[in-house]
Amino acid sequence: MAFCVSCGQQLDDEVRFCSGCGKEKDSATQPQNLEQVQNVQTQSVPLADNFTLWQGYVSAWKNFGVGRGRARRKEYWGFVLFNIIFSIGASILDVIIFRKDFSDFGLLYSLYALATFIPGITIAIRRLHDTNRRGTLLFWWGYAPLLAFIAAVVFAIMNLPQEVRFYLSYYGWEYMMGYAIGNSFPLFILLFLFILTGGIVLLVLCCLDSTPGDNRFGPNPKGK
């Protein structure tokens, strides 16, 4: 029994190419035991060399929840590009259908953002893997600063005098949050700089080219 080294699909003896991913059959590198097959099948499905940005977006959905393997720059930024386009489209539909303000989080936008949350995380992890860096950097540079900011806002609001919270509640959560941030402005400046620094670090890492050849996270998606 032989399996494709890229996608884990079972191969017949007489075939030369895998019907799943198109990779050429190579008996010298095919996994031959169950453990190797399971490891290959949990890797992301590779794309052809001449794939489009749209195919990069679709690939993120095909690899839904798959954090193993690598994703090259074109695949990642294809997802980012169409994700932004569809997010704007969902916001416009919220304005047209539900008469929501464009700055509000409408129903369609919220549903789309929720649906793309996991694919967005996993493709970012695979992009970091492609530069030979652990996916945990996404948490430390991306989500940890944001969670710290949210926790600080909640703490600042809870520490407001009860009569102030009661008064601000009539004007909405935006006014209450703004008042709380203003009371601890130096702290929130530092947290904002922390978020900005993390965003810049992740942006630079996601713009880096693939590490040549295989690395500890899998084969080079460019095949080089």
Foldseek 3Di string as FASTA:
>chain_A
DWADQAALHDDDPPDQADPPQGHGDDVVRTDDDPVSSVVNNLEQHFHDLPDALCVLLVSLVVNQQRQFAADWLSSLVSNVVVLVVVLQVQLVVCCVPVVDDSPDCGDSNVVSCVVCVRSNLSNLQRLLVQQVHGSCLCCVLAVVLVVVLVVQLVVLLVPDPPVVNVVCVVVPVVSSSVVSCVVVVVVNVVSVVSNVVSVVVSVVSSPDGGDPAADPRGGNSNND
